[in-house]
């Protein structure tokens, strides 16, 4: 059983929703990924229990597949002041709400329209939590990011790394070069050398070398 430090919560979800990670202190609370839209009520309930009366201040999406951002719309209505930050690659398609370019139409998955307030670039730090640094992690999604806390050596890996694999690659959508990007992202994770991984799906794990 892995013990997480104070201010860090991990919600392991069932399929199709992604896992959620909550990073918070007495003033700010950042939720990393919001799950699939059909599970939005459950996501909100988990969040309400963890926040204990505090407000959600930020939503961060590791990438814009519907199982990772499908709860954005619901949480934005529940927490009207929340700021939503996404990777930059598809930002203009969110502003225009282009379901084709965002891959929701091609994959037959629904995602309620949401608003973005800003983007997270490679090398950025999370707002109010500067120990968490953003790394570009293309492959499963060309615009995906991961988050790493160097001192705690904890990695929020999204779909770049699971305990038994990683997110599927769709060459018909992303191109054959996406497999090379997967390898490059795994090389980055190897160099970061995390001691604990909070993946996008499945349980947290520590045996990263395996």
N, C-alpha and C. Protein backbone atom coordinates (compact mmCIF):
# COMPACT_ATOMS: atom_id res chain seq x y z
N UNK A 1 0.85 -1.19 0.00
CA UNK A 1 0.00 0.00 0.00
C UNK A 1 0.89 1.24 0.00
N UNK A 2 0.70 2.10 -0.99
CA UNK A 2 1.50 3.31 -1.10
C UNK A 2 0.84 4.44 -0.32
N UNK A 3 1.65 5.16 0.46
CA UNK A 3 1.14 6.30 1.21
C UNK A 3 1.51 7.57 0.46
N UNK A 4 0.52 8.39 0.23
CA UNK A 4 0.74 9.64 -0.46
C UNK A 4 0.97 10.76 0.56
N UNK A 5 1.77 11.76 0.21
CA UNK A 5 1.99 12.88 1.12
C UNK A 5 0.72 13.71 1.29
N UNK A 6 0.68 14.48 2.36
CA UNK A 6 -0.47 15.35 2.61
C UNK A 6 -0.66 16.30 1.42
N UNK A 7 -1.91 16.53 1.07
CA UNK A 7 -2.22 17.42 -0.03
C UNK A 7 -2.26 16.76 -1.39
N UNK A 8 -2.09 15.44 -1.42
CA UNK A 8 -2.12 14.71 -2.69
C UNK A 8 -3.08 13.53 -2.56
N UNK A 9 -4.08 13.49 -3.45
CA UNK A 9 -5.07 12.41 -3.44
C UNK A 9 -5.14 11.79 -4.83
N UNK A 10 -5.33 10.46 -4.86
CA UNK A 10 -5.40 9.71 -6.11
C UNK A 10 -6.71 8.95 -6.14
N UNK A 11 -7.53 9.24 -7.16
CA UNK A 11 -8.81 8.56 -7.32
C UNK A 11 -8.68 7.56 -8.46
N UNK A 12 -8.61 6.28 -8.12
CA UNK A 12 -8.54 5.25 -9.16
C UNK A 12 -9.95 4.97 -9.65
N UNK A 13 -10.16 5.12 -10.95
CA UNK A 13 -11.49 5.02 -11.52
C UNK A 13 -11.63 3.77 -12.37
N UNK A 14 -12.88 3.41 -12.62
CA UNK A 14 -13.16 2.29 -13.52
C UNK A 14 -13.26 2.78 -14.96
N UNK A 15 -13.19 1.85 -15.88
CA UNK A 15 -13.31 2.17 -17.30
C UNK A 15 -14.70 2.71 -17.57
N UNK A 16 -14.89 3.77 -18.30
CA UNK A 16 -13.99 4.40 -19.24
C UNK A 16 -13.27 5.61 -18.63
N UNK A 17 -13.61 6.02 -17.44
CA UNK A 17 -13.01 7.23 -16.89
C UNK A 17 -11.52 7.05 -16.62
N UNK A 18 -10.79 8.14 -16.81
CA UNK A 18 -9.40 8.17 -16.37
C UNK A 18 -9.36 8.34 -14.86
N UNK A 19 -8.22 8.02 -14.26
CA UNK A 19 -7.98 8.35 -12.87
C UNK A 19 -7.90 9.87 -12.71
N UNK A 20 -8.09 10.33 -11.47
CA UNK A 20 -7.97 11.75 -11.16
C UNK A 20 -6.94 11.92 -10.05
N UNK A 21 -6.20 13.02 -10.10
CA UNK A 21 -5.24 13.35 -9.05
C UNK A 21 -5.57 14.74 -8.54
N UNK A 22 -5.71 14.87 -7.24
CA UNK A 22 -6.01 16.16 -6.61
C UNK A 22 -4.78 16.63 -5.84
N UNK A 23 -4.32 17.84 -6.16
CA UNK A 23 -3.19 18.48 -5.49
C UNK A 23 -3.74 19.71 -4.80
N UNK A 24 -3.60 19.81 -3.48
CA UNK A 24 -4.23 20.92 -2.80
C UNK A 24 -3.45 21.36 -1.57
N UNK A 25 -3.69 22.60 -1.16
CA UNK A 25 -3.23 23.12 0.12
C UNK A 25 -4.42 23.85 0.74
N UNK A 26 -4.17 24.75 1.67
CA UNK A 26 -5.28 25.42 2.35
C UNK A 26 -5.99 26.44 1.48
N UNK A 27 -5.38 26.81 0.34
CA UNK A 27 -5.92 27.88 -0.48
C UNK A 27 -6.29 27.44 -1.89
N UNK A 28 -5.51 26.54 -2.47
CA UNK A 28 -5.69 26.17 -3.87
C UNK A 28 -5.86 24.66 -4.02
N UNK A 29 -6.60 24.28 -5.05
CA UNK A 29 -6.82 22.87 -5.33
C UNK A 29 -6.82 22.65 -6.83
N UNK A 30 -5.95 21.77 -7.30
CA UNK A 30 -5.80 21.46 -8.72
C UNK A 30 -6.24 20.01 -8.95
N UNK A 31 -7.19 19.81 -9.84
CA UNK A 31 -7.59 18.45 -10.22
C UNK A 31 -6.98 18.13 -11.57
N UNK A 32 -6.21 17.06 -11.62
CA UNK A 32 -5.59 16.61 -12.87
C UNK A 32 -6.50 15.56 -13.49
N UNK A 33 -7.12 15.92 -14.61
CA UNK A 33 -8.04 15.09 -15.39
C UNK A 33 -9.37 14.89 -14.67
N UNK A 34 -10.43 14.79 -15.47
CA UNK A 34 -11.79 14.82 -14.91
C UNK A 34 -12.66 13.63 -15.29
N UNK A 35 -12.08 12.62 -15.95
CA UNK A 35 -12.85 11.43 -16.26
C UNK A 35 -13.81 11.59 -17.44
N UNK A 36 -14.60 10.56 -17.67
CA UNK A 36 -15.55 10.55 -18.79
C UNK A 36 -16.85 11.23 -18.36
N UNK A 37 -17.58 11.76 -19.31
CA UNK A 37 -18.74 12.60 -18.99
C UNK A 37 -19.85 11.85 -18.27
N UNK A 38 -20.00 10.56 -18.58
CA UNK A 38 -21.08 9.79 -17.94
C UNK A 38 -20.80 9.54 -16.46
N UNK A 39 -19.58 9.76 -16.02
CA UNK A 39 -19.21 9.56 -14.62
C UNK A 39 -19.00 10.89 -13.90
N UNK A 40 -19.46 11.99 -14.48
CA UNK A 40 -19.18 13.31 -13.92
C UNK A 40 -19.76 13.49 -12.52
N UNK A 41 -20.94 12.94 -12.26
CA UNK A 41 -21.53 13.05 -10.92
C UNK A 41 -20.66 12.34 -9.88
N UNK A 42 -20.14 11.18 -10.24
CA UNK A 42 -19.27 10.45 -9.32
C UNK A 42 -17.96 11.21 -9.11
N UNK A 43 -17.42 11.78 -10.18
CA UNK A 43 -16.20 12.58 -10.05
C UNK A 43 -16.42 13.74 -9.10
N UNK A 44 -17.54 14.43 -9.24
CA UNK A 44 -17.85 15.57 -8.36
C UNK A 44 -18.01 15.12 -6.92
N UNK A 45 -18.61 13.95 -6.70
CA UNK A 45 -18.80 13.46 -5.34
C UNK A 45 -17.45 13.12 -4.69
N UNK A 46 -16.57 12.47 -5.44
CA UNK A 46 -15.23 12.17 -4.92
C UNK A 46 -14.49 13.45 -4.58
N UNK A 47 -14.62 14.43 -5.44
CA UNK A 47 -13.94 15.70 -5.26
C UNK A 47 -14.48 16.45 -4.05
N UNK A 48 -15.80 16.51 -3.92
CA UNK A 48 -16.41 17.19 -2.79
C UNK A 48 -15.95 16.59 -1.46
N UNK A 49 -15.90 15.27 -1.41
CA UNK A 49 -15.46 14.59 -0.18
C UNK A 49 -14.01 14.93 0.13
N UNK A 50 -13.15 14.96 -0.88
CA UNK A 50 -11.73 15.22 -0.66
C UNK A 50 -11.47 16.68 -0.31
N UNK A 51 -12.23 17.60 -0.88
CA UNK A 51 -12.01 19.02 -0.65
C UNK A 51 -12.50 19.48 0.73
N UNK A 52 -13.43 18.77 1.29
CA UNK A 52 -13.94 19.07 2.64
C UNK A 52 -14.35 20.54 2.78
N UNK A 53 -15.15 20.99 1.83
CA UNK A 53 -15.69 22.34 1.91
C UNK A 53 -14.88 23.39 1.18
N UNK A 54 -13.68 23.07 0.75
CA UNK A 54 -12.87 24.01 -0.01
C UNK A 54 -13.31 24.03 -1.48
N UNK A 55 -12.83 25.01 -2.21
CA UNK A 55 -13.20 25.18 -3.61
C UNK A 55 -12.13 24.60 -4.54
N UNK A 56 -12.57 24.08 -5.66
CA UNK A 56 -11.65 23.68 -6.72
C UNK A 56 -11.23 24.93 -7.47
N UNK A 57 -9.91 25.18 -7.54
CA UNK A 57 -9.44 26.40 -8.19
C UNK A 57 -8.94 26.17 -9.61
N UNK A 58 -8.45 24.95 -9.91
CA UNK A 58 -7.90 24.68 -11.24
C UNK A 58 -8.24 23.26 -11.69
N UNK A 59 -8.51 23.13 -12.97
CA UNK A 59 -8.55 21.85 -13.66
C UNK A 59 -7.36 21.83 -14.62
N UNK A 60 -6.63 20.73 -14.61
CA UNK A 60 -5.53 20.53 -15.56
C UNK A 60 -5.81 19.24 -16.33
N UNK A 61 -5.79 19.32 -17.63
CA UNK A 61 -5.94 18.12 -18.47
C UNK A 61 -4.60 17.71 -19.02
N UNK A 62 -4.24 16.44 -18.83
CA UNK A 62 -2.99 15.93 -19.40
C UNK A 62 -3.07 15.82 -20.91
N UNK A 63 -4.25 15.51 -21.42
CA UNK A 63 -4.54 15.54 -22.85
C UNK A 63 -6.04 15.59 -23.01
N UNK A 64 -6.50 15.71 -24.23
CA UNK A 64 -7.91 16.00 -24.45
C UNK A 64 -8.71 14.83 -25.00
N UNK A 65 -8.28 13.60 -24.71
CA UNK A 65 -9.15 12.47 -24.98
C UNK A 65 -10.34 12.53 -24.04
N UNK A 66 -11.48 12.06 -24.51
CA UNK A 66 -12.73 12.28 -23.79
C UNK A 66 -12.78 11.64 -22.42
N UNK A 67 -11.98 10.59 -22.20
CA UNK A 67 -11.99 9.95 -20.88
C UNK A 67 -11.17 10.72 -19.86
N UNK A 68 -10.45 11.76 -20.31
CA UNK A 68 -9.63 12.58 -19.41
C UNK A 68 -10.20 13.98 -19.20
N UNK A 69 -11.05 14.43 -20.10
CA UNK A 69 -11.59 15.79 -19.95
C UNK A 69 -13.11 15.84 -20.05
N UNK A 70 -13.75 14.68 -20.07
CA UNK A 70 -15.20 14.64 -20.23
C UNK A 70 -15.97 15.24 -19.07
N UNK A 71 -15.34 15.33 -17.90
CA UNK A 71 -15.99 15.94 -16.74
C UNK A 71 -15.75 17.43 -16.60
N UNK A 72 -14.98 18.01 -17.52
CA UNK A 72 -14.67 19.44 -17.42
C UNK A 72 -15.91 20.31 -17.35
N UNK A 73 -16.83 20.08 -18.28
CA UNK A 73 -18.03 20.91 -18.37
C UNK A 73 -18.81 20.88 -17.06
N UNK A 74 -19.01 19.69 -16.52
CA UNK A 74 -19.80 19.54 -15.29
C UNK A 74 -19.12 20.25 -14.13
N UNK A 75 -17.81 20.08 -13.99
CA UNK A 75 -17.09 20.71 -12.88
C UNK A 75 -17.01 22.22 -13.05
N UNK A 76 -16.93 22.69 -14.31
CA UNK A 76 -16.94 24.13 -14.53
C UNK A 76 -18.27 24.75 -14.09
N UNK A 77 -19.36 24.04 -14.28
CA UNK A 77 -20.66 24.54 -13.83
C UNK A 77 -20.79 24.44 -12.31
N UNK A 78 -20.13 23.45 -11.72
CA UNK A 78 -20.19 23.23 -10.27
C UNK A 78 -19.29 24.21 -9.53
N UNK A 79 -18.16 24.56 -10.14
CA UNK A 79 -17.20 25.50 -9.56
C UNK A 79 -16.98 26.64 -10.57
N UNK A 80 -17.85 27.65 -10.59
CA UNK A 80 -17.82 28.67 -11.65
C UNK A 80 -16.50 29.45 -11.75
N UNK A 81 -15.74 29.53 -10.66
CA UNK A 81 -14.50 30.30 -10.68
C UNK A 81 -13.29 29.46 -11.09
N UNK A 82 -13.50 28.18 -11.35
CA UNK A 82 -12.36 27.31 -11.66
C UNK A 82 -11.66 27.74 -12.95
N UNK A 83 -10.34 27.63 -12.96
CA UNK A 83 -9.54 27.92 -14.14
C UNK A 83 -9.11 26.59 -14.77
N UNK A 84 -9.29 26.46 -16.08
CA UNK A 84 -8.99 25.21 -16.78
C UNK A 84 -7.79 25.40 -17.69
N UNK A 85 -6.77 24.57 -17.49
CA UNK A 85 -5.54 24.64 -18.26
C UNK A 85 -5.35 23.34 -19.03
N UNK A 86 -4.98 23.47 -20.31
CA UNK A 86 -4.85 22.30 -21.18
C UNK A 86 -3.51 22.36 -21.91
N UNK A 87 -3.05 21.25 -22.50
CA UNK A 87 -1.87 21.32 -23.37
C UNK A 87 -2.15 22.23 -24.56
N UNK A 88 -1.13 22.84 -25.15
CA UNK A 88 -1.36 23.86 -26.17
C UNK A 88 -1.79 23.35 -27.53
N UNK A 89 -1.50 22.09 -27.86
CA UNK A 89 -1.64 21.63 -29.24
C UNK A 89 -3.02 21.77 -29.84
N UNK A 90 -4.06 21.50 -29.04
CA UNK A 90 -5.44 21.55 -29.55
C UNK A 90 -6.22 22.73 -28.99
N UNK A 91 -5.52 23.71 -28.44
CA UNK A 91 -6.20 24.81 -27.76
C UNK A 91 -7.16 25.55 -28.67
N UNK A 92 -6.76 25.80 -29.90
CA UNK A 92 -7.64 26.56 -30.81
C UNK A 92 -8.89 25.76 -31.16
N UNK A 93 -8.77 24.43 -31.17
CA UNK A 93 -9.94 23.62 -31.48
C UNK A 93 -10.93 23.60 -30.32
N UNK A 94 -10.43 23.77 -29.10
CA UNK A 94 -11.33 23.92 -27.95
C UNK A 94 -12.07 25.25 -28.05
N UNK A 95 -11.34 26.31 -28.39
CA UNK A 95 -11.97 27.63 -28.52
C UNK A 95 -13.04 27.62 -29.61
N UNK A 96 -12.76 26.92 -30.72
CA UNK A 96 -13.73 26.82 -31.82
C UNK A 96 -14.74 25.69 -31.59
N UNK A 97 -14.44 24.83 -30.69
CA UNK A 97 -15.12 23.55 -30.42
C UNK A 97 -15.34 22.76 -31.71
N UNK A 98 -14.21 22.22 -32.19
CA UNK A 98 -14.17 21.42 -33.40
C UNK A 98 -14.08 19.95 -32.98
N UNK A 99 -15.22 19.27 -32.90
CA UNK A 99 -15.25 17.89 -32.42
C UNK A 99 -14.52 16.94 -33.34
N UNK A 100 -14.40 17.29 -34.61
CA UNK A 100 -13.65 16.46 -35.56
C UNK A 100 -12.16 16.54 -35.26
N UNK A 101 -11.62 17.76 -35.16
CA UNK A 101 -10.20 17.94 -34.89
C UNK A 101 -9.82 17.43 -33.51
N UNK A 102 -10.74 17.49 -32.57
CA UNK A 102 -10.48 17.01 -31.21
C UNK A 102 -10.62 15.49 -31.10
N UNK A 103 -10.95 14.83 -32.19
CA UNK A 103 -11.05 13.37 -32.35
C UNK A 103 -12.30 12.78 -31.70
N UNK A 104 -13.22 13.58 -31.20
CA UNK A 104 -14.41 13.01 -30.58
C UNK A 104 -15.32 12.39 -31.64
N UNK A 105 -15.52 13.08 -32.75
CA UNK A 105 -16.34 12.52 -33.82
C UNK A 105 -15.72 11.27 -34.44
N UNK A 106 -14.41 11.29 -34.81
CA UNK A 106 -13.81 10.10 -35.42
C UNK A 106 -13.82 8.86 -34.52
N UNK A 107 -13.75 9.06 -33.21
CA UNK A 107 -13.70 7.92 -32.29
C UNK A 107 -15.08 7.56 -31.75
N UNK A 108 -16.10 8.33 -32.10
CA UNK A 108 -17.44 8.04 -31.63
C UNK A 108 -17.65 8.26 -30.16
N UNK A 109 -16.86 9.15 -29.56
CA UNK A 109 -16.98 9.43 -28.14
C UNK A 109 -17.50 10.85 -27.94
N UNK A 110 -18.35 11.01 -26.96
CA UNK A 110 -18.94 12.32 -26.68
C UNK A 110 -18.12 13.03 -25.61
N UNK A 111 -17.98 14.33 -25.75
CA UNK A 111 -17.37 15.17 -24.72
C UNK A 111 -18.13 16.48 -24.68
N UNK A 112 -18.80 16.81 -23.58
CA UNK A 112 -19.51 18.08 -23.51
C UNK A 112 -18.55 19.25 -23.66
N UNK A 113 -18.97 20.27 -24.38
CA UNK A 113 -18.12 21.42 -24.65
C UNK A 113 -17.72 22.11 -23.35
N UNK A 114 -16.44 22.46 -23.26
CA UNK A 114 -15.94 23.17 -22.08
C UNK A 114 -15.09 24.35 -22.52
N UNK A 115 -14.77 25.21 -21.57
CA UNK A 115 -13.95 26.38 -21.83
C UNK A 115 -12.54 26.17 -21.30
N UNK A 116 -11.57 26.77 -21.95
CA UNK A 116 -10.20 26.77 -21.45
C UNK A 116 -9.84 28.19 -21.02
N UNK A 117 -8.97 28.29 -20.01
CA UNK A 117 -8.48 29.59 -19.55
C UNK A 117 -7.02 29.81 -19.87
N UNK A 118 -6.30 28.74 -20.21
CA UNK A 118 -4.89 28.88 -20.52
C UNK A 118 -4.31 27.54 -20.91
N UNK A 119 -3.01 27.54 -21.22
CA UNK A 119 -2.32 26.31 -21.63
C UNK A 119 -1.11 26.07 -20.74
N UNK A 120 -0.67 24.83 -20.73
CA UNK A 120 0.53 24.42 -20.01
C UNK A 120 1.57 23.95 -21.03
N UNK A 121 2.68 24.66 -21.08
CA UNK A 121 3.75 24.34 -22.01
C UNK A 121 4.79 23.43 -21.35
N UNK A 122 5.56 22.74 -22.19
CA UNK A 122 6.68 21.94 -21.71
C UNK A 122 7.61 22.83 -20.87
N UNK A 123 7.92 22.40 -19.65
CA UNK A 123 8.79 23.16 -18.76
C UNK A 123 8.06 24.06 -17.78
N UNK A 124 6.76 24.27 -17.98
CA UNK A 124 5.98 25.08 -17.04
C UNK A 124 5.84 24.36 -15.70
N UNK A 125 5.44 25.13 -14.68
CA UNK A 125 5.09 24.56 -13.39
C UNK A 125 3.60 24.77 -13.15
N UNK A 126 3.02 23.91 -12.32
CA UNK A 126 1.60 24.08 -12.00
C UNK A 126 1.40 25.38 -11.23
N UNK A 127 0.33 26.11 -11.52
CA UNK A 127 0.06 27.33 -10.76
C UNK A 127 -0.09 27.03 -9.27
N UNK A 128 0.63 27.78 -8.46
CA UNK A 128 0.60 27.68 -6.99
C UNK A 128 1.27 26.43 -6.45
N UNK A 129 1.71 25.55 -7.33
CA UNK A 129 2.41 24.33 -6.91
C UNK A 129 3.66 24.17 -7.78
N UNK A 130 4.67 25.04 -7.60
CA UNK A 130 5.82 25.08 -8.51
C UNK A 130 6.69 23.84 -8.48
N UNK A 131 6.55 23.00 -7.48
CA UNK A 131 7.34 21.77 -7.44
C UNK A 131 6.90 20.77 -8.51
N UNK A 132 5.69 20.93 -9.02
CA UNK A 132 5.18 20.04 -10.08
C UNK A 132 5.50 20.65 -11.43
N UNK A 133 6.36 19.97 -12.20
CA UNK A 133 6.81 20.49 -13.49
C UNK A 133 6.16 19.69 -14.63
N UNK A 134 5.88 20.41 -15.70
CA UNK A 134 5.23 19.85 -16.89
C UNK A 134 6.28 19.36 -17.87
N UNK A 135 6.06 18.15 -18.42
CA UNK A 135 6.91 17.60 -19.47
C UNK A 135 6.02 17.17 -20.63
N UNK A 136 6.41 17.55 -21.84
CA UNK A 136 5.71 17.07 -23.02
C UNK A 136 5.88 15.56 -23.12
N UNK A 137 4.79 14.86 -23.45
CA UNK A 137 4.83 13.40 -23.49
C UNK A 137 4.03 12.87 -24.67
N UNK A 138 4.44 13.20 -25.90
CA UNK A 138 3.69 12.74 -27.08
C UNK A 138 3.78 11.23 -27.27
N UNK A 139 2.87 10.70 -28.05
CA UNK A 139 2.84 9.27 -28.35
C UNK A 139 1.39 8.82 -28.44
N UNK A 140 0.82 8.42 -27.30
CA UNK A 140 -0.60 8.07 -27.25
C UNK A 140 -1.45 9.23 -27.76
N UNK A 141 -1.06 10.43 -27.38
CA UNK A 141 -1.63 11.66 -27.91
C UNK A 141 -0.47 12.61 -28.19
N UNK A 142 -0.44 13.25 -29.36
CA UNK A 142 0.73 14.06 -29.71
C UNK A 142 0.91 15.28 -28.83
N UNK A 143 -0.13 15.66 -28.08
CA UNK A 143 -0.06 16.88 -27.29
C UNK A 143 -0.13 16.60 -25.78
N UNK A 144 0.05 15.34 -25.40
CA UNK A 144 -0.08 14.97 -23.99
C UNK A 144 1.07 15.53 -23.16
N UNK A 145 0.79 15.72 -21.88
CA UNK A 145 1.81 16.11 -20.92
C UNK A 145 1.80 15.13 -19.75
N UNK A 146 2.90 15.11 -19.01
CA UNK A 146 3.00 14.43 -17.73
C UNK A 146 3.50 15.44 -16.71
N UNK A 147 3.34 15.13 -15.43
CA UNK A 147 3.73 16.04 -14.35
C UNK A 147 4.64 15.31 -13.39
N UNK A 148 5.73 15.95 -12.98
CA UNK A 148 6.71 15.29 -12.12
C UNK A 148 7.09 16.20 -10.96
N UNK A 149 7.10 15.64 -9.76
CA UNK A 149 7.56 16.32 -8.55
C UNK A 149 8.94 15.78 -8.23
N UNK A 150 9.97 16.58 -8.50
CA UNK A 150 11.34 16.09 -8.41
C UNK A 150 11.73 15.70 -6.98
N UNK A 151 11.30 16.49 -6.00
CA UNK A 151 11.67 16.19 -4.62
C UNK A 151 11.01 14.92 -4.12
N UNK A 152 9.72 14.78 -4.37
CA UNK A 152 8.99 13.59 -3.94
C UNK A 152 9.20 12.42 -4.88
N UNK A 153 9.68 12.70 -6.09
CA UNK A 153 9.90 11.71 -7.14
C UNK A 153 8.60 10.96 -7.48
N UNK A 154 7.53 11.75 -7.58
CA UNK A 154 6.23 11.22 -7.95
C UNK A 154 5.89 11.71 -9.36
N UNK A 155 5.46 10.79 -10.21
CA UNK A 155 5.10 11.09 -11.59
C UNK A 155 3.61 10.89 -11.80
N UNK A 156 2.94 11.90 -12.33
CA UNK A 156 1.57 11.76 -12.84
C UNK A 156 1.72 11.49 -14.33
N UNK A 157 1.55 10.23 -14.71
CA UNK A 157 1.96 9.79 -16.05
C UNK A 157 0.84 9.77 -17.08
N UNK A 158 -0.40 10.00 -16.65
CA UNK A 158 -1.53 9.94 -17.58
C UNK A 158 -1.49 8.62 -18.37
N UNK A 159 -1.54 8.68 -19.71
CA UNK A 159 -1.53 7.45 -20.50
C UNK A 159 -0.16 7.17 -21.12
N UNK A 160 0.86 7.92 -20.70
CA UNK A 160 2.22 7.67 -21.19
C UNK A 160 2.82 6.42 -20.57
N UNK A 161 2.34 6.05 -19.38
CA UNK A 161 2.85 4.84 -18.72
C UNK A 161 1.82 4.33 -17.73
N UNK A 162 1.45 3.07 -17.89
CA UNK A 162 0.63 2.35 -16.92
C UNK A 162 1.50 1.24 -16.33
N UNK A 163 0.99 0.58 -15.30
CA UNK A 163 1.78 -0.48 -14.68
C UNK A 163 2.05 -1.61 -15.67
N UNK A 164 1.10 -1.87 -16.57
CA UNK A 164 1.25 -2.98 -17.51
C UNK A 164 1.24 -2.51 -18.96
N UNK A 165 1.71 -1.31 -19.21
CA UNK A 165 1.75 -0.84 -20.59
C UNK A 165 1.58 0.66 -20.68
N UNK A 166 0.87 1.09 -21.70
CA UNK A 166 0.62 2.52 -21.92
C UNK A 166 -0.56 2.65 -22.88
N UNK A 167 -1.02 3.87 -23.08
CA UNK A 167 -2.19 4.12 -23.91
C UNK A 167 -1.97 3.69 -25.34
N UNK A 168 -3.01 3.17 -25.94
CA UNK A 168 -2.94 2.68 -27.32
C UNK A 168 -2.58 3.83 -28.26
N UNK A 169 -1.88 3.48 -29.33
CA UNK A 169 -1.53 4.45 -30.37
C UNK A 169 -2.42 4.19 -31.58
N UNK A 170 -2.98 5.26 -32.15
CA UNK A 170 -3.84 5.16 -33.32
C UNK A 170 -3.09 5.72 -34.53
N UNK A 171 -2.33 4.89 -35.26
CA UNK A 171 -1.56 5.42 -36.40
C UNK A 171 -2.43 6.01 -37.48
N UNK A 172 -3.67 5.51 -37.59
CA UNK A 172 -4.57 6.04 -38.62
C UNK A 172 -5.02 7.47 -38.29
N UNK A 173 -4.86 7.87 -37.02
CA UNK A 173 -5.20 9.24 -36.61
C UNK A 173 -3.95 10.08 -36.42
N UNK A 174 -2.96 9.51 -35.68
CA UNK A 174 -1.78 10.29 -35.30
C UNK A 174 -0.60 10.09 -36.24
N UNK A 175 -0.62 9.03 -37.07
CA UNK A 175 0.50 8.76 -37.96
C UNK A 175 1.46 7.74 -37.35
N UNK A 176 2.24 7.08 -38.20
CA UNK A 176 3.14 6.01 -37.76
C UNK A 176 4.25 6.54 -36.86
N UNK A 177 4.58 7.84 -36.98
CA UNK A 177 5.65 8.43 -36.17
C UNK A 177 5.29 8.45 -34.68
N UNK A 178 4.01 8.24 -34.36
CA UNK A 178 3.59 8.26 -32.96
C UNK A 178 4.28 7.16 -32.15
N UNK A 179 4.64 6.04 -32.81
CA UNK A 179 5.34 4.97 -32.10
C UNK A 179 6.74 5.42 -31.67
N UNK A 180 7.40 6.21 -32.52
CA UNK A 180 8.70 6.77 -32.13
C UNK A 180 8.55 7.75 -30.97
N UNK A 181 7.46 8.50 -30.96
CA UNK A 181 7.23 9.44 -29.87
C UNK A 181 6.97 8.71 -28.55
N UNK A 182 6.29 7.57 -28.61
CA UNK A 182 6.12 6.75 -27.41
C UNK A 182 7.48 6.39 -26.83
N UNK A 183 8.39 5.94 -27.68
CA UNK A 183 9.72 5.55 -27.21
C UNK A 183 10.45 6.74 -26.58
N UNK A 184 10.35 7.90 -27.21
CA UNK A 184 11.02 9.09 -26.68
C UNK A 184 10.43 9.48 -25.32
N UNK A 185 9.14 9.37 -25.17
CA UNK A 185 8.50 9.70 -23.90
C UNK A 185 8.92 8.72 -22.81
N UNK A 186 8.99 7.44 -23.14
CA UNK A 186 9.45 6.45 -22.16
C UNK A 186 10.90 6.72 -21.75
N UNK A 187 11.71 7.20 -22.70
CA UNK A 187 13.09 7.58 -22.36
C UNK A 187 13.12 8.74 -21.37
N UNK A 188 12.22 9.70 -21.55
CA UNK A 188 12.13 10.83 -20.61
C UNK A 188 11.77 10.33 -19.22
N UNK A 189 10.78 9.45 -19.15
CA UNK A 189 10.36 8.91 -17.85
C UNK A 189 11.51 8.14 -17.19
N UNK A 190 12.26 7.40 -17.99
CA UNK A 190 13.40 6.66 -17.44
C UNK A 190 14.43 7.62 -16.84
N UNK A 191 14.66 8.75 -17.50
CA UNK A 191 15.62 9.73 -16.98
C UNK A 191 15.10 10.41 -15.72
N UNK A 192 13.80 10.65 -15.65
CA UNK A 192 13.23 11.25 -14.45
C UNK A 192 13.35 10.31 -13.26
N UNK A 193 13.30 9.01 -13.52
CA UNK A 193 13.49 7.99 -12.50
C UNK A 193 12.52 8.15 -11.32
N UNK A 194 11.22 8.12 -11.59
CA UNK A 194 10.24 8.29 -10.50
C UNK A 194 10.24 7.10 -9.56
N UNK A 195 9.89 7.36 -8.30
CA UNK A 195 9.75 6.30 -7.31
C UNK A 195 8.31 5.83 -7.18
N UNK A 196 7.38 6.68 -7.60
CA UNK A 196 5.96 6.33 -7.55
C UNK A 196 5.28 6.94 -8.77
N UNK A 197 4.43 6.15 -9.42
CA UNK A 197 3.72 6.60 -10.62
C UNK A 197 2.21 6.58 -10.34
N UNK A 198 1.56 7.69 -10.65
CA UNK A 198 0.10 7.79 -10.60
C UNK A 198 -0.39 7.80 -12.05
N UNK A 199 -0.80 6.64 -12.58
CA UNK A 199 -1.12 6.53 -14.02
C UNK A 199 -2.51 7.01 -14.34
N UNK A 200 -2.77 7.13 -15.64
CA UNK A 200 -4.09 7.55 -16.09
C UNK A 200 -5.15 6.48 -15.94
N UNK A 201 -4.74 5.21 -15.89
CA UNK A 201 -5.66 4.10 -15.68
C UNK A 201 -4.96 3.04 -14.85
N UNK A 202 -5.69 2.38 -13.98
CA UNK A 202 -5.11 1.34 -13.14
C UNK A 202 -4.53 1.90 -11.85
N UNK A 203 -3.96 0.99 -11.06
CA UNK A 203 -3.47 1.35 -9.74
C UNK A 203 -2.13 2.09 -9.82
N UNK A 204 -1.85 2.89 -8.79
CA UNK A 204 -0.52 3.48 -8.68
C UNK A 204 0.50 2.37 -8.46
N UNK A 205 1.76 2.63 -8.87
CA UNK A 205 2.77 1.59 -8.75
C UNK A 205 4.16 2.23 -8.57
N UNK A 206 5.08 1.40 -8.07
CA UNK A 206 6.44 1.91 -7.78
C UNK A 206 7.53 1.17 -8.55
N UNK A 207 7.24 0.00 -9.08
CA UNK A 207 8.27 -0.77 -9.78
C UNK A 207 8.36 -0.29 -11.22
N UNK A 208 8.93 0.90 -11.39
CA UNK A 208 8.94 1.53 -12.72
C UNK A 208 9.87 0.79 -13.67
N UNK A 209 10.99 0.28 -13.17
CA UNK A 209 11.95 -0.40 -14.04
C UNK A 209 11.33 -1.63 -14.71
N UNK A 210 10.43 -2.29 -14.02
CA UNK A 210 9.77 -3.47 -14.60
C UNK A 210 8.94 -3.06 -15.81
